């Protein structure tokens, strides 16, 4: 079993790719952006770094992406990792087969 497959089956991966996990990632991203915006009023550079870092969980939650899985060589699609979803269900519902390297129309 590869590291990506092991991660996809973990409780953490199942949580972050569930609807509640997606909301948590969106809120975490917004929180980092808000804190970064506050720091831009004082120091500037540190705030900009926090804003840029906050964009990753915000985008991942909003577009249902799993960046950790992609870094481990697995799928980037959170829908393929989410509890109760199989690859064939996702592909048949959307017509898209997503991998960490490219999005290819099936």
Foldseek 3Di string as FASTA:
>chain_A
DAPLVVVLPDPVLQQCLELVNLVVLLVQLVVLLVVLVVVCVPPNPSSVVSNVVSVVSNVCSVQQFDVVSLVSQWWRHSQCSHPPHHQVNVCVVPQWRTGSPDIDRD
